[in-house]
Amino acid sequence: MKQDTAAKTMVIASCVYFGMALTMGLLTALKFVVPTVGEIEYLSMPRVRMMHTNLNLFGWLLQANMGVLFWVLPRILHTRLFSEKLGWRWVCCITLLLSAASLPLCSGM
């Protein structure tokens, strides 16, 4: 694999999760202004707020920090990552775990 593939993938994934968290945050703010928006069960205020918080913490902040570390540490230490494939697998693992953890939140479990 090319150098910095894991870092780029992690930063791109964090940007996608940031967009999702931003959408949930805007929906939460809209519910304060117009409480009747999204009267369906899956868009209730506690569920949307939990999704917003978890996507921000684990989807955006954790992945963005890890992506920056994957990019910065090899330059500071004057070495390469041990394995770009392992870093890329870590990106996939975090993304799958976050998606699997978000489904019960959305369904109210």
PDB file of N, CA and C in Angstrom:
ATOM      1  N   MET A   1       0.838  -1.187   0.000  1.00  0.00           N
ATOM      2  CA  MET A   1       0.000   0.000   0.000  1.00  0.00           C
ATOM      3  C   MET A   1       0.881   1.248   0.000  1.00  0.00           C
ATOM      4  N   LYS A   2       0.319   2.328  -0.497  1.00  0.00           N
ATOM      5  CA  LYS A   2       1.045   3.591  -0.501  1.00  0.00           C
ATOM      6  C   LYS A   2       1.194   4.124   0.918  1.00  0.00           C
ATOM      7  N   GLN A   3       2.162   5.001   1.080  1.00  0.00           N
ATOM      8  CA  GLN A   3       2.355   5.625   2.371  1.00  0.00           C
ATOM      9  C   GLN A   3       1.185   6.561   2.665  1.00  0.00           C
ATOM     10  N   ASP A   4       0.793   6.634   3.907  1.00  0.00           N
ATOM     11  CA  ASP A   4      -0.282   7.503   4.416  1.00  0.00           C
ATOM     12  C   ASP A   4      -1.674   7.103   3.947  1.00  0.00           C
ATOM     13  N   THR A   5      -1.853   5.889   3.440  1.00  0.00           N
ATOM     14  CA  THR A   5      -3.189   5.438   3.049  1.00  0.00           C
ATOM     15  C   THR A   5      -4.107   5.349   4.260  1.00  0.00           C
ATOM     16  N   ALA A   6      -3.593   4.812   5.358  1.00  0.00           N
ATOM     17  CA  ALA A   6      -4.405   4.676   6.566  1.00  0.00           C
ATOM     18  C   ALA A   6      -4.781   6.046   7.122  1.00  0.00           C
ATOM     19  N   ALA A   7      -3.844   6.972   7.106  1.00  0.00           N
ATOM     20  CA  ALA A   7      -4.118   8.314   7.630  1.00  0.00           C
ATOM     21  C   ALA A   7      -5.179   9.018   6.788  1.00  0.00           C
ATOM     22  N   LYS A   8      -5.038   8.952   5.480  1.00  0.00           N
ATOM     23  CA  LYS A   8      -6.009   9.610   4.601  1.00  0.00           C
ATOM     24  C   LYS A   8      -7.389   8.986   4.747  1.00  0.00           C
ATOM     25  N   THR A   9      -7.437   7.656   4.813  1.00  0.00           N
ATOM     26  CA  THR A   9      -8.720   6.970   4.947  1.00  0.00           C
ATOM     27  C   THR A   9      -9.397   7.338   6.258  1.00  0.00           C
ATOM     28  N   MET A  10      -8.606   7.410   7.338  1.00  0.00           N
ATOM     29  CA  MET A  10      -9.189   7.733   8.633  1.00  0.00           C
ATOM     30  C   MET A  10      -9.688   9.176   8.667  1.00  0.00           C
ATOM     31  N   VAL A  11      -8.970  10.096   8.088  1.00  0.00           N
ATOM     32  CA  VAL A  11      -9.411  11.496   8.076  1.00  0.00           C
ATOM     33  C   VAL A  11     -10.654  11.657   7.200  1.00  0.00           C
ATOM     34  N   ILE A  12     -10.707  10.972   6.073  1.00  0.00           N
ATOM     35  CA  ILE A  12     -11.892  11.045   5.208  1.00  0.00           C
ATOM     36  C   ILE A  12     -13.108  10.451   5.917  1.00  0.00           C
ATOM     37  N   ALA A  13     -12.918   9.315   6.598  1.00  0.00           N
ATOM     38  CA  ALA A  13     -14.026   8.713   7.346  1.00  0.00           C
ATOM     39  C   ALA A  13     -14.488   9.640   8.465  1.00  0.00           C
ATOM     40  N   SER A  14     -13.546  10.312   9.121  1.00  0.00           N
ATOM     41  CA  SER A  14     -13.943  11.236  10.188  1.00  0.00           C
ATOM     42  C   SER A  14     -14.726  12.419   9.624  1.00  0.00           C
ATOM     43  N   CYS A  15     -14.388  12.864   8.436  1.00  0.00           N
ATOM     44  CA  CYS A  15     -15.148  13.960   7.808  1.00  0.00           C
ATOM     45  C   CYS A  15     -16.565  13.514   7.461  1.00  0.00           C
ATOM     46  N   VAL A  16     -16.718  12.279   7.022  1.00  0.00           N
ATOM     47  CA  VAL A  16     -18.056  11.750   6.730  1.00  0.00           C
ATOM     48  C   VAL A  16     -18.883  11.682   8.010  1.00  0.00           C
ATOM     49  N   TYR A  17     -18.276  11.174   9.088  1.00  0.00           N
ATOM     50  CA  TYR A  17     -18.995  11.104  10.360  1.00  0.00           C
ATOM     51  C   TYR A  17     -19.285  12.494  10.916  1.00  0.00           C
ATOM     52  N   PHE A  18     -18.400  13.458  10.649  1.00  0.00           N
ATOM     53  CA  PHE A  18     -18.668  14.829  11.077  1.00  0.00           C
ATOM     54  C   PHE A  18     -19.903  15.379  10.372  1.00  0.00           C
ATOM     55  N   GLY A  19     -20.039  15.084   9.093  1.00  0.00           N
ATOM     56  CA  GLY A  19     -21.229  15.515   8.363  1.00  0.00           C
ATOM     57  C   GLY A  19     -22.496  14.883   8.915  1.00  0.00           C
ATOM     58  N   MET A  20     -22.410  13.597   9.264  1.00  0.00           N
ATOM     59  CA  MET A  20     -23.574  12.926   9.848  1.00  0.00           C
ATOM     60  C   MET A  20     -23.909  13.522  11.216  1.00  0.00           C
ATOM     61  N   ALA A  21     -22.877  13.774  12.036  1.00  0.00           N
ATOM     62  CA  ALA A  21     -23.104  14.352  13.360  1.00  0.00           C
ATOM     63  C   ALA A  21     -23.646  15.771  13.251  1.00  0.00           C
ATOM     64  N   LEU A  22     -23.171  16.510  12.271  1.00  0.00           N
ATOM     65  CA  LEU A  22     -23.675  17.865  12.047  1.00  0.00           C
ATOM     66  C   LEU A  22     -25.153  17.833  11.676  1.00  0.00           C
ATOM     67  N   THR A  23     -25.539  16.875  10.850  1.00  0.00           N
ATOM     68  CA  THR A  23     -26.947  16.730  10.481  1.00  0.00           C
ATOM     69  C   THR A  23     -27.799  16.412  11.705  1.00  0.00           C
ATOM     70  N   MET A  24     -27.310  15.506  12.553  1.00  0.00           N
ATOM     71  CA  MET A  24     -28.048  15.175  13.777  1.00  0.00           C
ATOM     72  C   MET A  24     -28.128  16.384  14.706  1.00  0.00           C
ATOM     73  N   GLY A  25     -27.058  17.159  14.790  1.00  0.00           N
ATOM     74  CA  GLY A  25     -27.071  18.358  15.625  1.00  0.00           C
ATOM     75  C   GLY A  25     -28.040  19.406  15.111  1.00  0.00           C
ATOM     76  N   LEU A  26     -28.085  19.577  13.793  1.00  0.00           N
ATOM     77  CA  LEU A  26     -29.039  20.530  13.218  1.00  0.00           C
ATOM     78  C   LEU A  26     -30.477  20.073  13.434  1.00  0.00           C
ATOM     79  N   LEU A  27     -30.703  18.761  13.351  1.00  0.00           N
ATOM     80  CA  LEU A  27     -32.043  18.235  13.620  1.00  0.00           C
ATOM     81  C   LEU A  27     -32.420  18.451  15.083  1.00  0.00           C
ATOM     82  N   THR A  28     -31.459  18.276  15.988  1.00  0.00           N
ATOM     83  CA  THR A  28     -31.712  18.530  17.406  1.00  0.00           C
ATOM     84  C   THR A  28     -32.058  19.996  17.638  1.00  0.00           C
ATOM     85  N   ALA A  29     -31.293  20.890  17.030  1.00  0.00           N
ATOM     86  CA  ALA A  29     -31.565  22.321  17.179  1.00  0.00           C
ATOM     87  C   ALA A  29     -32.920  22.686  16.578  1.00  0.00           C
ATOM     88  N   LEU A  30     -33.257  22.066  15.457  1.00  0.00           N
ATOM     89  CA  LEU A  30     -34.546  22.330  14.827  1.00  0.00           C
ATOM     90  C   LEU A  30     -35.692  21.859  15.709  1.00  0.00           C
ATOM     91  N   LYS A  31     -35.481  20.766  16.450  1.00  0.00           N
ATOM     92  CA  LYS A  31     -36.526  20.269  17.342  1.00  0.00           C
ATOM     93  C   LYS A  31     -36.778  21.227  18.504  1.00  0.00           C
ATOM     94  N   PHE A  32     -35.772  22.015  18.905  1.00  0.00           N
ATOM     95  CA  PHE A  32     -35.998  23.019  19.941  1.00  0.00           C
ATOM     96  C   PHE A  32     -36.851  24.168  19.420  1.00  0.00           C
ATOM     97  N   VAL A  33     -36.698  24.494  18.154  1.00  0.00           N
ATOM     98  CA  VAL A  33     -37.452  25.601  17.567  1.00  0.00           C
ATOM     99  C   VAL A  33     -38.851  25.144  17.156  1.00  0.00           C
ATOM    100  N   VAL A  34     -38.925  23.999  16.468  1.00  0.00           N
ATOM    101  CA  VAL A  34     -40.198  23.454  15.994  1.00  0.00           C
ATOM    102  C   VAL A  34     -40.326  22.033  16.553  1.00  0.00           C
ATOM    103  N   PRO A  35     -40.948  21.868  17.726  1.00  0.00           N
ATOM    104  CA  PRO A  35     -40.986  20.547  18.377  1.00  0.00           C
ATOM    105  C   PRO A  35     -41.729  19.467  17.599  1.00  0.00           C
ATOM    106  N   THR A  36     -42.565  19.841  16.645  1.00  0.00           N
ATOM    107  CA  THR A  36     -43.339  18.839  15.917  1.00  0.00           C
ATOM    108  C   THR A  36     -42.603  18.285  14.699  1.00  0.00           C
ATOM    109  N   VAL A  37     -41.364  18.713  14.468  1.00  0.00           N
ATOM    110  CA  VAL A  37     -40.586  18.201  13.332  1.00  0.00           C
ATOM    111  C   VAL A  37     -40.208  16.754  13.611  1.00  0.00           C
ATOM    112  N   GLY A  38     -40.410  15.904  12.648  1.00  0.00           N
ATOM    113  CA  GLY A  38     -40.010  14.509  12.795  1.00  0.00           C
ATOM    114  C   GLY A  38     -40.761  13.803  13.902  1.00  0.00           C
ATOM    115  N   GLU A  39     -42.053  13.709  13.767  1.00  0.00           N
ATOM    116  CA  GLU A  39     -42.884  13.074  14.784  1.00  0.00           C
ATOM    117  C   GLU A  39     -42.735  11.558  14.818  1.00  0.00           C
ATOM    118  N   ILE A  40     -41.917  10.991  13.947  1.00  0.00           N
ATOM    119  CA  ILE A  40     -41.766   9.537  13.956  1.00  0.00           C
ATOM    120  C   ILE A  40     -40.857   9.126  15.109  1.00  0.00           C
ATOM    121  N   GLU A  41     -40.984   7.886  15.495  1.00  0.00           N
ATOM    122  CA  GLU A  41     -40.305   7.371  16.680  1.00  0.00           C
ATOM    123  C   GLU A  41     -38.783   7.442  16.563  1.00  0.00           C
ATOM    124  N   TYR A  42     -38.252   7.197  15.387  1.00  0.00           N
ATOM    125  CA  TYR A  42     -36.805   7.137  15.215  1.00  0.00           C
ATOM    126  C   TYR A  42     -36.143   8.503  15.277  1.00  0.00           C
ATOM    127  N   LEU A  43     -36.912   9.561  15.155  1.00  0.00           N
ATOM    128  CA  LEU A  43     -36.358  10.908  15.225  1.00  0.00           C
ATOM    129  C   LEU A  43     -36.733  11.609  16.524  1.00  0.00           C
ATOM    130  N   SER A  44     -36.992  10.834  17.582  1.00  0.00           N
ATOM    131  CA  SER A  44     -37.303  11.457  18.867  1.00  0.00           C
ATOM    132  C   SER A  44     -36.051  12.138  19.420  1.00  0.00           C
ATOM    133  N   MET A  45     -36.269  13.123  20.263  1.00  0.00           N
ATOM    134  CA  MET A  45     -35.171  13.962  20.747  1.00  0.00           C
ATOM    135  C   MET A  45     -34.059  13.181  21.457  1.00  0.00           C
ATOM    136  N   PRO A  46     -34.364  12.269  22.381  1.00  0.00           N
ATOM    137  CA  PRO A  46     -33.259  11.557  23.049  1.00  0.00           C
ATOM    138  C   PRO A  46     -32.422  10.707  22.090  1.00  0.00           C
ATOM    139  N   ARG A  47     -33.054  10.081  21.135  1.00  0.00           N
ATOM    140  CA  ARG A  47     -32.305   9.246  20.187  1.00  0.00           C
ATOM    141  C   ARG A  47     -31.405  10.082  19.294  1.00  0.00           C
ATOM    142  N   VAL A  48     -31.938  11.174  18.796  1.00  0.00           N
ATOM    143  CA  VAL A  48     -31.145  12.034  17.912  1.00  0.00           C
ATOM    144  C   VAL A  48     -29.987  12.653  18.687  1.00  0.00           C
ATOM    145  N   ARG A  49     -30.237  13.053  19.930  1.00  0.00           N
ATOM    146  CA  ARG A  49     -29.180  13.653  20.746  1.00  0.00           C
ATOM    147  C   ARG A  49     -28.071  12.641  21.049  1.00  0.00           C
ATOM    148  N   MET A  50     -28.442  11.401  21.363  1.00  0.00           N
ATOM    149  CA  MET A  50     -27.424  10.369  21.611  1.00  0.00           C
ATOM    150  C   MET A  50     -26.629  10.057  20.356  1.00  0.00           C
ATOM    151  N   MET A  51     -27.307   9.987  19.224  1.00  0.00           N
ATOM    152  CA  MET A  51     -26.595   9.748  17.964  1.00  0.00           C
ATOM    153  C   MET A  51     -25.626  10.889  17.677  1.00  0.00           C
ATOM    154  N   HIS A  52     -26.063  12.117  17.903  1.00  0.00           N
ATOM    155  CA  HIS A  52     -25.217  13.288  17.674  1.00  0.00           C
ATOM    156  C   HIS A  52     -23.968  13.227  18.557  1.00  0.00           C
ATOM    157  N   THR A  53     -24.155  12.913  19.833  1.00  0.00           N
ATOM    158  CA  THR A  53     -23.025  12.861  20.764  1.00  0.00           C
ATOM    159  C   THR A  53     -22.060  11.744  20.404  1.00  0.00           C
ATOM    160  N   ASN A  54     -22.572  10.561  20.152  1.00  0.00           N
ATOM    161  CA  ASN A  54     -21.696   9.426  19.846  1.00  0.00           C
ATOM    162  C   ASN A  54     -20.983   9.590  18.510  1.00  0.00           C
ATOM    163  N   LEU A  55     -21.665  10.117  17.516  1.00  0.00           N
ATOM    164  CA  LEU A  55     -21.003  10.340  16.228  1.00  0.00           C
ATOM    165  C   LEU A  55     -19.911  11.396  16.341  1.00  0.00           C
ATOM    166  N   ASN A  56     -20.141  12.415  17.163  1.00  0.00           N
ATOM    167  CA  ASN A  56     -19.098  13.424  17.351  1.00  0.00           C
ATOM    168  C   ASN A  56     -17.899  12.856  18.097  1.00  0.00           C
ATOM    169  N   LEU A  57     -18.154  12.136  19.183  1.00  0.00           N
ATOM    170  CA  LEU A  57     -17.046  11.631  19.995  1.00  0.00           C
ATOM    171  C   LEU A  57     -16.256  10.540  19.296  1.00  0.00           C
ATOM    172  N   PHE A  58     -16.956   9.528  18.817  1.00  0.00           N
ATOM    173  CA  PHE A  58     -16.261   8.357  18.287  1.00  0.00           C
ATOM    174  C   PHE A  58     -16.058   8.409  16.781  1.00  0.00           C
ATOM    175  N   GLY A  59     -16.965   9.026  16.078  1.00  0.00           N
ATOM    176  CA  GLY A  59     -16.836   9.079  14.633  1.00  0.00           C
ATOM    177  C   GLY A  59     -15.925  10.185  14.156  1.00  0.00           C
ATOM    178  N   TRP A  60     -16.079  11.362  14.750  1.00  0.00           N
ATOM    179  CA  TRP A  60     -15.292  12.488  14.268  1.00  0.00           C
ATOM    180  C   TRP A  60     -14.013  12.676  15.079  1.00  0.00           C
ATOM    181  N   LEU A  61     -14.128  12.892  16.388  1.00  0.00           N
ATOM    182  CA  LEU A  61     -12.949  13.231  17.182  1.00  0.00           C
ATOM    183  C   LEU A  61     -11.939  12.090  17.258  1.00  0.00           C
ATOM    184  N   LEU A  62     -12.388  10.887  17.567  1.00  0.00           N
ATOM    185  CA  LEU A  62     -11.459   9.761  17.683  1.00  0.00           C
ATOM    186  C   LEU A  62     -10.783   9.470  16.356  1.00  0.00           C
ATOM    187  N   GLN A  63     -11.555   9.399  15.293  1.00  0.00           N
ATOM    188  CA  GLN A  63     -10.964   9.055  14.001  1.00  0.00           C
ATOM    189  C   GLN A  63     -10.092  10.175  13.455  1.00  0.00           C
ATOM    190  N   ALA A  64     -10.469  11.416  13.664  1.00  0.00           N
ATOM    191  CA  ALA A  64      -9.630  12.518  13.178  1.00  0.00           C
ATOM    192  C   ALA A  64      -8.304  12.545  13.930  1.00  0.00           C
ATOM    193  N   ASN A  65      -8.351  12.351  15.244  1.00  0.00           N
ATOM    194  CA  ASN A  65      -7.107  12.323  16.020  1.00  0.00           C
ATOM    195  C   ASN A  65      -6.222  11.150  15.618  1.00  0.00           C
ATOM    196  N   MET A  66      -6.817   9.983  15.427  1.00  0.00           N
ATOM    197  CA  MET A  66      -6.022   8.819  15.013  1.00  0.00           C
ATOM    198  C   MET A  66      -5.434   9.030  13.625  1.00  0.00           C
ATOM    199  N   GLY A  67      -6.199   9.617  12.715  1.00  0.00           N
ATOM    200  CA  GLY A  67      -5.695   9.884  11.372  1.00  0.00           C
ATOM    201  C   GLY A  67      -4.532  10.857  11.384  1.00  0.00           C
ATOM    202  N   VAL A  68      -4.647  11.899  12.201  1.00  0.00           N
ATOM    203  CA  VAL A  68      -3.548  12.862  12.307  1.00  0.00           C
ATOM    204  C   VAL A  68      -2.326  12.203  12.941  1.00  0.00           C
ATOM    205  N   LEU A  69      -2.546  11.351  13.934  1.00  0.00           N
ATOM    206  CA  LEU A  69      -1.415  10.627  14.537  1.00  0.00           C
ATOM    207  C   LEU A  69      -0.760   9.685  13.537  1.00  0.00           C
ATOM    208  N   PHE A  70      -1.566   9.016  12.723  1.00  0.00           N
ATOM    209  CA  PHE A  70      -0.997   8.140  11.688  1.00  0.00           C
ATOM    210  C   PHE A  70      -0.164   8.931  10.687  1.00  0.00           C
ATOM    211  N   TRP A  71      -0.474  10.189  10.515  1.00  0.00           N
ATOM    212  CA  TRP A  71       0.277  11.021   9.574  1.00  0.00           C
ATOM    213  C   TRP A  71       1.489  11.682  10.238  1.00  0.00           C
ATOM    214  N   VAL A  72       1.314  12.172  11.487  1.00  0.00           N
ATOM    215  CA  VAL A  72       2.368  12.945  12.151  1.00  0.00           C
ATOM    216  C   VAL A  72       3.479  12.066  12.713  1.00  0.00           C
ATOM    217  N   LEU A  73       3.126  10.972  13.369  1.00  0.00           N
ATOM    218  CA  LEU A  73       4.138  10.174  14.066  1.00  0.00           C
ATOM    219  C   LEU A  73       5.251   9.648  13.160  1.00  0.00           C
ATOM    220  N   PRO A  74       4.966   9.150  11.966  1.00  0.00           N
ATOM    221  CA  PRO A  74       6.087   8.724  11.120  1.00  0.00           C
ATOM    222  C   PRO A  74       7.028   9.874  10.752  1.00  0.00           C
ATOM    223  N   ARG A  75       6.508  11.065  10.652  1.00  0.00           N
ATOM    224  CA  ARG A  75       7.363  12.206  10.311  1.00  0.00           C
ATOM    225  C   ARG A  75       8.198  12.661  11.505  1.00  0.00           C
ATOM    226  N   ILE A  76       7.625  12.617  12.688  1.00  0.00           N
ATOM    227  CA  ILE A  76       8.373  13.011  13.881  1.00  0.00           C
ATOM    228  C   ILE A  76       9.446  11.976  14.210  1.00  0.00           C
ATOM    229  N   LEU A  77       9.090  10.706  14.094  1.00  0.00           N
ATOM    230  CA  LEU A  77      10.009   9.632  14.468  1.00  0.00           C
ATOM    231  C   LEU A  77      10.941   9.209  13.338  1.00  0.00           C
ATOM    232  N   HIS A  78      10.789   9.797  12.151  1.00  0.00           N
ATOM    233  CA  HIS A  78      11.619   9.479  10.981  1.00  0.00           C
ATOM    234  C   HIS A  78      11.599   7.986  10.657  1.00  0.00           C
ATOM    235  N   THR A  79      10.407   7.436  10.633  1.00  0.00           N
ATOM    236  CA  THR A  79      10.228   6.023  10.310  1.00  0.00           C
ATOM    237  C   THR A  79       8.898   5.861   9.583  1.00  0.00           C
ATOM    238  N   ARG A  80       8.585   4.654   9.203  1.00  0.00           N
ATOM    239  CA  ARG A  80       7.297   4.367   8.566  1.00  0.00           C
ATOM    240  C   ARG A  80       6.392   3.684   9.570  1.00  0.00           C
ATOM    241  N   LEU A  81       5.106   3.670   9.263  1.00  0.00           N
ATOM    242  CA  LEU A  81       4.193   2.886  10.092  1.00  0.00           C
ATOM    243  C   LEU A  81       4.574   1.418  10.000  1.00  0.00           C
ATOM    244  N   PHE A  82       4.293   0.671  11.049  1.00  0.00           N
ATOM    245  CA  PHE A  82       4.611  -0.751  11.047  1.00  0.00           C
ATOM    246  C   PHE A  82       3.924  -1.446   9.889  1.00  0.00           C
ATOM    247  N   SER A  83       2.646  -1.123   9.682  1.00  0.00           N
ATOM    248  CA  SER A  83       1.897  -1.755   8.602  1.00  0.00           C
ATOM    249  C   SER A  83       0.747  -0.840   8.181  1.00  0.00           C
ATOM    250  N   GLU A  84       0.780  -0.410   6.939  1.00  0.00           N
ATOM    251  CA  GLU A  84      -0.330   0.392   6.411  1.00  0.00           C
ATOM    252  C   GLU A  84      -1.609  -0.442   6.353  1.00  0.00           C
ATOM    253  N   LYS A  85      -1.461  -1.732   6.040  1.00  0.00           N
ATOM    254  CA  LYS A  85      -2.641  -2.606   5.976  1.00  0.00           C
ATOM    255  C   LYS A  85      -3.299  -2.729   7.340  1.00  0.00           C
ATOM    256  N   LEU A  86      -2.490  -2.833   8.385  1.00  0.00           N
ATOM    257  CA  LEU A  86      -3.035  -2.919   9.736  1.00  0.00           C
ATOM    258  C   LEU A  86      -3.755  -1.622  10.109  1.00  0.00           C
ATOM    259  N   GLY A  87      -3.194  -0.499   9.720  1.00  0.00           N
ATOM    260  CA  GLY A  87      -3.859   0.782   9.961  1.00  0.00           C
ATOM    261  C   GLY A  87      -5.165   0.887   9.200  1.00  0.00           C
ATOM    262  N   TRP A  88      -5.165   0.403   7.956  1.00  0.00           N
ATOM    263  CA  TRP A  88      -6.388   0.441   7.163  1.00  0.00           C
ATOM    264  C   TRP A  88      -7.445  -0.489   7.755  1.00  0.00           C
ATOM    265  N   ARG A  89      -7.011  -1.642   8.256  1.00  0.00           N
ATOM    266  CA  ARG A  89      -7.959  -2.560   8.918  1.00  0.00           C
ATOM    267  C   ARG A  89      -8.527  -1.929  10.183  1.00  0.00           C
ATOM    268  N   TRP A  90      -7.700  -1.158  10.887  1.00  0.00           N
ATOM    269  CA  TRP A  90      -8.170  -0.462  12.078  1.00  0.00           C
ATOM    270  C   TRP A  90      -9.261   0.550  11.704  1.00  0.00           C
ATOM    271  N   VAL A  91      -9.088   1.234  10.594  1.00  0.00           N
ATOM    272  CA  VAL A  91     -10.105   2.171  10.103  1.00  0.00           C
ATOM    273  C   VAL A  91     -11.411   1.424   9.839  1.00  0.00           C
ATOM    274  N   CYS A  92     -11.325   0.301   9.152  1.00  0.00           N
ATOM    275  CA  CYS A  92     -12.528  -0.493   8.849  1.00  0.00           C
ATOM    276  C   CYS A  92     -13.183  -1.006  10.122  1.00  0.00           C
ATOM    277  N   CYS A  93     -12.368  -1.449  11.073  1.00  0.00           N
ATOM    278  CA  CYS A  93     -12.888  -1.979  12.335  1.00  0.00           C
ATOM    279  C   CYS A  93     -13.631  -0.896  13.120  1.00  0.00           C
ATOM    280  N   ILE A  94     -13.038   0.278  13.226  1.00  0.00           N
ATOM    281  CA  ILE A  94     -13.688   1.383  13.950  1.00  0.00           C
ATOM    282  C   ILE A  94     -14.990   1.775  13.259  1.00  0.00           C
ATOM    283  N   THR A  95     -14.966   1.832  11.933  1.00  0.00           N
ATOM    284  CA  THR A  95     -16.161   2.224  11.188  1.00  0.00           C
ATOM    285  C   THR A  95     -17.276   1.199  11.376  1.00  0.00           C
ATOM    286  N   LEU A  96     -16.940  -0.074  11.299  1.00  0.00           N
ATOM    287  CA  LEU A  96     -17.952  -1.115  11.502  1.00  0.00           C
ATOM    288  C   LEU A  96     -18.482  -1.110  12.931  1.00  0.00           C
ATOM    289  N   LEU A  97     -17.608  -0.936  13.911  1.00  0.00           N
ATOM    290  CA  LEU A  97     -18.055  -0.910  15.300  1.00  0.00           C
ATOM    291  C   LEU A  97     -18.950   0.295  15.574  1.00  0.00           C
ATOM    292  N   LEU A  98     -18.607   1.431  15.011  1.00  0.00           N
ATOM    293  CA  LEU A  98     -19.438   2.620  15.210  1.00  0.00           C
ATOM    294  C   LEU A  98     -20.800   2.454  14.544  1.00  0.00           C
ATOM    295  N   SER A  99     -20.816   1.858  13.367  1.00  0.00           N
ATOM    296  CA  SER A  99     -22.090   1.607  12.692  1.00  0.00           C
ATOM    297  C   SER A  99     -22.927   0.603  13.474  1.00  0.00           C
ATOM    298  N   ALA A 100     -22.283  -0.445  13.988  1.00  0.00           N
ATOM    299  CA  ALA A 100     -23.009  -1.454  14.766  1.00  0.00           C
ATOM    300  C   ALA A 100     -23.505  -0.888  16.091  1.00  0.00           C
ATOM    301  N   ALA A 101     -22.772   0.046  16.678  1.00  0.00           N
ATOM    302  CA  ALA A 101     -23.206   0.650  17.938  1.00  0.00           C
ATOM    303  C   ALA A 101     -24.299   1.691  17.720  1.00  0.00           C
ATOM    304  N   SER A 102     -24.372   2.258  16.530  1.00  0.00           N
ATOM    305  CA  SER A 102     -25.379   3.291  16.259  1.00  0.00           C
ATOM    306  C   SER A 102     -26.758   2.700  15.999  1.00  0.00           C
ATOM    307  N   LEU A 103     -26.815   1.486  15.490  1.00  0.00           N
ATOM    308  CA  LEU A 103     -28.116   0.875  15.194  1.00  0.00           C
ATOM    309  C   LEU A 103     -28.984   0.692  16.434  1.00  0.00           C
ATOM    310  N   PRO A 104     -28.460   0.162  17.556  1.00  0.00           N
ATOM    311  CA  PRO A 104     -29.319   0.069  18.744  1.00  0.00           C
ATOM    312  C   PRO A 104     -29.748   1.430  19.285  1.00  0.00           C
ATOM    313  N   LEU A 105     -28.888   2.438  19.154  1.00  0.00           N
ATOM    314  CA  LEU A 105     -29.284   3.778  19.600  1.00  0.00           C
ATOM    315  C   LEU A 105     -30.452   4.299  18.788  1.00  0.00           C
ATOM    316  N   CYS A 106     -30.403   4.045  17.499  1.00  0.00           N
ATOM    317  CA  CYS A 106     -31.458   4.530  16.613  1.00  0.00           C
ATOM    318  C   CYS A 106     -32.768   3.775  16.838  1.00  0.00           C
ATOM    319  N   SER A 107     -32.662   2.511  17.204  1.00  0.00           N
ATOM    320  CA  SER A 107     -33.877   1.718  17.392  1.00  0.00           C
ATOM    321  C   SER A 107     -34.415   1.795  18.816  1.00  0.00           C
ATOM    322  N   GLY A 108     -33.701   2.468  19.720  1.00  0.00           N
ATOM    323  CA  GLY A 108     -34.218   2.669  21.067  1.00  0.00           C
ATOM    324  C   GLY A 108     -33.859   1.599  22.064  1.00  0.00           C
ATOM    325  N   MET A 109     -32.881   0.786  21.766  1.00  0.00           N
ATOM    326  CA  MET A 109     -32.480  -0.266  22.711  1.00  0.00           C
ATOM    327  C   MET A 109     -31.598   0.290  23.797  1.00  0.00           C
TER     328      MET A 109
END
